[in-house]
Amino acid sequence: MEKNLTISEGMVLQRTISQRKNDLCSIRNSNLNKRREFSYLGDGQPKERIETEPQYDPKVVDAKIVELETFLFKLDAAIKRANAKAVIGIEVDVDKLLEPIK
């Protein structure tokens, strides 16, 4: 479901997506593994075998990270464009506010 966002909604979404992207980067970098331990007898001696396999396909995680980064880039650009057009309805004399103390 696509929806037009307000600037405020976009900024909240930006923080949420950024955190999600960081979480996915952690998953990708740590390459979380499922551990399976097997105990069996071989040659009359107990032996242990541990197999590890990635819990998530690194290519899928990386593709999702790229998708989120692309979205964040587009969202940031859209927010900046909208802010450049927005007028804040306040009258101010900048020169008077920034003049040195007499």
N, C-alpha and C. Protein backbone atom coordinates (compact mmCIF):
# COMPACT_ATOMS: atom_id res chain seq x y z
N MET A 1 0.84 -1.16 0.00
CA MET A 1 0.00 0.00 0.00
C MET A 1 0.89 1.24 0.00
N GLU A 2 0.85 2.00 -1.07
CA GLU A 2 1.63 3.22 -1.17
C GLU A 2 0.80 4.38 -0.64
N LYS A 3 1.50 5.34 -0.07
CA LYS A 3 0.81 6.46 0.55
C LYS A 3 1.71 7.67 0.48
N ASN A 4 1.12 8.83 0.28
CA ASN A 4 1.89 10.07 0.35
C ASN A 4 2.12 10.40 1.82
N LEU A 5 3.32 10.85 2.13
CA LEU A 5 3.69 11.13 3.51
C LEU A 5 3.79 12.63 3.75
N THR A 6 3.50 13.03 4.96
CA THR A 6 3.81 14.39 5.37
C THR A 6 5.30 14.43 5.71
N ILE A 7 5.85 15.64 5.82
CA ILE A 7 7.26 15.75 6.17
C ILE A 7 7.51 15.10 7.53
N SER A 8 6.61 15.34 8.47
CA SER A 8 6.76 14.76 9.81
C SER A 8 6.75 13.23 9.76
N GLU A 9 5.80 12.66 9.03
CA GLU A 9 5.74 11.20 8.90
C GLU A 9 7.01 10.67 8.23
N GLY A 10 7.47 11.39 7.22
CA GLY A 10 8.69 10.98 6.52
C GLY A 10 9.90 10.97 7.43
N MET A 11 10.00 11.97 8.31
CA MET A 11 11.14 12.03 9.22
C MET A 11 11.10 10.91 10.26
N VAL A 12 9.89 10.59 10.73
CA VAL A 12 9.75 9.47 11.67
C VAL A 12 10.10 8.16 10.97
N LEU A 13 9.59 7.98 9.77
CA LEU A 13 9.88 6.78 8.99
C LEU A 13 11.37 6.68 8.69
N GLN A 14 11.99 7.81 8.43
CA GLN A 14 13.43 7.84 8.14
C GLN A 14 14.23 7.28 9.32
N ARG A 15 13.89 7.69 10.53
CA ARG A 15 14.59 7.18 11.71
C ARG A 15 14.34 5.68 11.89
N THR A 16 13.11 5.25 11.69
CA THR A 16 12.76 3.84 11.86
C THR A 16 13.48 2.97 10.84
N ILE A 17 13.44 3.39 9.58
CA ILE A 17 14.09 2.62 8.51
C ILE A 17 15.61 2.60 8.72
N SER A 18 16.16 3.71 9.17
CA SER A 18 17.60 3.77 9.42
C SER A 18 18.01 2.77 10.50
N GLN A 19 17.21 2.66 11.56
CA GLN A 19 17.49 1.69 12.61
C GLN A 19 17.37 0.27 12.08
N ARG A 20 16.35 0.03 11.27
CA ARG A 20 16.17 -1.31 10.67
C ARG A 20 17.36 -1.67 9.79
N LYS A 21 17.85 -0.70 9.02
CA LYS A 21 19.01 -0.92 8.16
C LYS A 21 20.24 -1.26 9.01
N ASN A 22 20.41 -0.55 10.12
CA ASN A 22 21.54 -0.84 11.02
C ASN A 22 21.44 -2.25 11.60
N ASP A 23 20.22 -2.67 11.95
CA ASP A 23 20.02 -4.02 12.45
C ASP A 23 20.39 -5.06 11.39
N LEU A 24 19.96 -4.82 10.16
CA LEU A 24 20.29 -5.75 9.07
C LEU A 24 21.78 -5.78 8.80
N CYS A 25 22.45 -4.64 8.90
CA CYS A 25 23.91 -4.60 8.72
C CYS A 25 24.59 -5.43 9.79
N SER A 26 24.09 -5.37 11.02
CA SER A 26 24.65 -6.19 12.10
C SER A 26 24.47 -7.67 11.81
N ILE A 27 23.29 -8.02 11.32
CA ILE A 27 23.03 -9.43 10.97
C ILE A 27 23.98 -9.87 9.85
N ARG A 28 24.13 -9.03 8.84
CA ARG A 28 25.01 -9.37 7.72
C ARG A 28 26.45 -9.52 8.18
N ASN A 29 26.90 -8.59 9.02
CA ASN A 29 28.29 -8.60 9.45
C ASN A 29 28.61 -9.73 10.42
N SER A 30 27.66 -10.09 11.25
CA SER A 30 27.92 -11.17 12.20
C SER A 30 27.65 -12.52 11.57
N ASN A 31 26.92 -12.52 10.45
CA ASN A 31 26.57 -13.76 9.74
C ASN A 31 26.06 -14.81 10.72
N LEU A 32 24.96 -14.47 11.38
CA LEU A 32 24.38 -15.35 12.37
C LEU A 32 24.23 -16.77 11.82
N ASN A 33 24.65 -17.70 12.60
CA ASN A 33 24.61 -19.10 12.17
C ASN A 33 23.71 -19.92 13.07
N LYS A 34 23.11 -20.92 12.46
CA LYS A 34 22.41 -21.94 13.23
C LYS A 34 23.44 -23.00 13.57
N ARG A 35 23.48 -23.42 14.80
CA ARG A 35 24.40 -24.49 15.19
C ARG A 35 23.61 -25.77 15.40
N ARG A 36 24.15 -26.81 14.86
CA ARG A 36 23.57 -28.13 15.11
C ARG A 36 24.69 -29.00 15.62
N GLU A 37 24.46 -29.60 16.77
CA GLU A 37 25.47 -30.48 17.35
C GLU A 37 25.00 -31.92 17.27
N PHE A 38 25.93 -32.77 16.90
CA PHE A 38 25.64 -34.19 16.79
C PHE A 38 26.64 -34.95 17.65
N SER A 39 26.16 -35.87 18.40
CA SER A 39 27.04 -36.76 19.15
C SER A 39 26.82 -38.17 18.61
N TYR A 40 27.88 -38.85 18.34
CA TYR A 40 27.76 -40.20 17.84
C TYR A 40 29.00 -40.99 18.23
N LEU A 41 28.88 -42.29 18.13
CA LEU A 41 30.02 -43.16 18.42
C LEU A 41 30.67 -43.57 17.11
N GLY A 42 31.96 -43.43 17.07
CA GLY A 42 32.71 -43.88 15.91
C GLY A 42 33.97 -44.54 16.42
N ASP A 43 34.28 -45.67 15.93
CA ASP A 43 35.44 -46.44 16.39
C ASP A 43 35.40 -46.70 17.90
N GLY A 44 34.21 -46.80 18.44
CA GLY A 44 34.08 -47.06 19.86
C GLY A 44 34.31 -45.83 20.73
N GLN A 45 34.65 -44.70 20.12
CA GLN A 45 34.93 -43.47 20.87
C GLN A 45 33.79 -42.48 20.62
N PRO A 46 33.32 -41.81 21.68
CA PRO A 46 32.31 -40.78 21.45
C PRO A 46 32.92 -39.60 20.69
N LYS A 47 32.22 -39.14 19.69
CA LYS A 47 32.70 -38.00 18.90
C LYS A 47 31.58 -36.98 18.81
N GLU A 48 31.98 -35.75 18.61
CA GLU A 48 31.01 -34.67 18.49
C GLU A 48 31.27 -33.96 17.18
N ARG A 49 30.22 -33.61 16.50
CA ARG A 49 30.34 -32.88 15.24
C ARG A 49 29.41 -31.68 15.31
N ILE A 50 29.92 -30.54 14.95
CA ILE A 50 29.12 -29.31 14.96
C ILE A 50 29.05 -28.79 13.53
N GLU A 51 27.85 -28.58 13.06
CA GLU A 51 27.65 -27.99 11.74
C GLU A 51 27.07 -26.60 11.92
N THR A 52 27.57 -25.69 11.13
CA THR A 52 27.00 -24.34 11.14
C THR A 52 26.56 -24.00 9.73
N GLU A 53 25.47 -23.31 9.65
CA GLU A 53 24.98 -22.84 8.36
C GLU A 53 24.39 -21.45 8.58
N PRO A 54 24.53 -20.58 7.61
CA PRO A 54 23.99 -19.23 7.79
C PRO A 54 22.49 -19.28 8.05
N GLN A 55 22.06 -18.47 9.01
CA GLN A 55 20.64 -18.42 9.32
C GLN A 55 19.89 -17.64 8.24
N TYR A 56 20.56 -16.64 7.65
CA TYR A 56 19.96 -15.83 6.60
C TYR A 56 20.88 -15.85 5.40
N ASP A 57 20.31 -15.86 4.22
CA ASP A 57 21.10 -15.79 3.00
C ASP A 57 21.72 -14.39 2.91
N PRO A 58 23.06 -14.29 2.92
CA PRO A 58 23.71 -12.98 2.89
C PRO A 58 23.30 -12.13 1.68
N LYS A 59 23.02 -12.75 0.55
CA LYS A 59 22.62 -12.00 -0.64
C LYS A 59 21.25 -11.35 -0.44
N VAL A 60 20.36 -12.06 0.22
CA VAL A 60 19.02 -11.53 0.48
C VAL A 60 19.10 -10.38 1.48
N VAL A 61 19.90 -10.54 2.53
CA VAL A 61 20.07 -9.48 3.52
C VAL A 61 20.69 -8.25 2.87
N ASP A 62 21.72 -8.45 2.06
CA ASP A 62 22.37 -7.34 1.39
C ASP A 62 21.42 -6.62 0.43
N ALA A 63 20.60 -7.37 -0.29
CA ALA A 63 19.63 -6.76 -1.20
C ALA A 63 18.63 -5.90 -0.43
N LYS A 64 18.20 -6.37 0.74
CA LYS A 64 17.27 -5.59 1.56
C LYS A 64 17.93 -4.32 2.08
N ILE A 65 19.21 -4.41 2.46
CA ILE A 65 19.95 -3.24 2.93
C ILE A 65 20.04 -2.20 1.82
N VAL A 66 20.35 -2.64 0.61
CA VAL A 66 20.44 -1.72 -0.53
C VAL A 66 19.08 -1.08 -0.80
N GLU A 67 18.01 -1.87 -0.71
CA GLU A 67 16.67 -1.33 -0.91
C GLU A 67 16.35 -0.24 0.12
N LEU A 68 16.70 -0.49 1.38
CA LEU A 68 16.44 0.48 2.44
C LEU A 68 17.30 1.73 2.26
N GLU A 69 18.57 1.56 1.87
CA GLU A 69 19.45 2.71 1.64
C GLU A 69 18.94 3.57 0.49
N THR A 70 18.46 2.93 -0.56
CA THR A 70 17.90 3.67 -1.70
C THR A 70 16.66 4.46 -1.27
N PHE A 71 15.80 3.82 -0.48
CA PHE A 71 14.61 4.51 0.02
C PHE A 71 15.00 5.70 0.88
N LEU A 72 15.97 5.51 1.78
CA LEU A 72 16.40 6.61 2.65
C LEU A 72 16.97 7.78 1.85
N PHE A 73 17.72 7.47 0.79
CA PHE A 73 18.26 8.52 -0.07
C PHE A 73 17.13 9.31 -0.73
N LYS A 74 16.15 8.59 -1.29
CA LYS A 74 15.03 9.26 -1.96
C LYS A 74 14.18 10.05 -0.97
N LEU A 75 13.96 9.49 0.21
CA LEU A 75 13.17 10.18 1.23
C LEU A 75 13.88 11.45 1.69
N ASP A 76 15.17 11.38 1.92
CA ASP A 76 15.93 12.55 2.35
C ASP A 76 15.86 13.65 1.30
N ALA A 77 16.02 13.28 0.03
CA ALA A 77 15.95 14.26 -1.06
C ALA A 77 14.55 14.88 -1.13
N ALA A 78 13.51 14.07 -0.96
CA ALA A 78 12.14 14.57 -1.02
C ALA A 78 11.84 15.52 0.14
N ILE A 79 12.32 15.17 1.33
CA ILE A 79 12.12 16.05 2.49
C ILE A 79 12.81 17.38 2.27
N LYS A 80 14.02 17.35 1.74
CA LYS A 80 14.76 18.60 1.50
C LYS A 80 14.08 19.45 0.43
N ARG A 81 13.55 18.81 -0.61
CA ARG A 81 12.81 19.55 -1.64
C ARG A 81 11.58 20.21 -1.05
N ALA A 82 10.85 19.45 -0.23
CA ALA A 82 9.62 19.98 0.38
C ALA A 82 9.96 21.12 1.34
N ASN A 83 11.02 20.97 2.10
CA ASN A 83 11.41 22.03 3.04
C ASN A 83 11.86 23.28 2.31
N ALA A 84 12.47 23.12 1.15
CA ALA A 84 12.93 24.28 0.39
C ALA A 84 11.75 25.10 -0.12
N LYS A 85 10.61 24.47 -0.32
CA LYS A 85 9.41 25.15 -0.83
C LYS A 85 8.52 25.69 0.29
N ALA A 86 8.67 25.13 1.47
CA ALA A 86 7.78 25.48 2.57
C ALA A 86 8.11 26.87 3.13
N VAL A 87 7.08 27.60 3.45
CA VAL A 87 7.24 28.92 4.06
C VAL A 87 6.72 28.81 5.49
N ILE A 88 7.54 29.29 6.42
CA ILE A 88 7.13 29.29 7.83
C ILE A 88 6.46 30.63 8.09
N GLY A 89 5.25 30.70 8.41
CA GLY A 89 4.50 31.94 8.55
C GLY A 89 4.91 32.77 9.77
N ILE A 90 6.13 33.27 9.77
CA ILE A 90 6.58 34.10 10.89
C ILE A 90 7.38 35.27 10.33
N GLU A 91 7.12 36.44 10.85
CA GLU A 91 7.86 37.62 10.41
C GLU A 91 9.03 37.83 11.35
N VAL A 92 10.18 38.08 10.77
CA VAL A 92 11.38 38.24 11.59
C VAL A 92 12.33 39.22 10.91
N ASP A 93 12.98 40.06 11.73
CA ASP A 93 14.02 40.95 11.25
C ASP A 93 15.35 40.32 11.65
N VAL A 94 15.95 39.57 10.73
CA VAL A 94 17.17 38.82 11.01
C VAL A 94 18.30 39.76 11.41
N ASP A 95 18.42 40.90 10.71
CA ASP A 95 19.49 41.85 11.02
C ASP A 95 19.39 42.33 12.47
N LYS A 96 18.19 42.62 12.92
CA LYS A 96 18.01 43.09 14.29
C LYS A 96 18.32 41.98 15.29
N LEU A 97 17.92 40.74 14.99
CA LEU A 97 18.21 39.63 15.90
C LEU A 97 19.70 39.37 16.03
N LEU A 98 20.44 39.54 14.94
CA LEU A 98 21.85 39.18 14.94
C LEU A 98 22.79 40.37 15.15
N GLU A 99 22.24 41.53 15.39
CA GLU A 99 23.12 42.70 15.58
C GLU A 99 23.85 42.57 16.92
N PRO A 100 25.06 43.12 16.99
CA PRO A 100 25.84 43.03 18.23
C PRO A 100 25.18 43.81 19.37
N ILE A 101 25.51 43.41 20.58
CA ILE A 101 24.99 44.08 21.77
C ILE A 101 25.64 45.46 21.85
N LYS A 102 24.84 46.48 22.14
CA LYS A 102 25.37 47.86 22.21
C LYS A 102 25.66 48.24 23.63
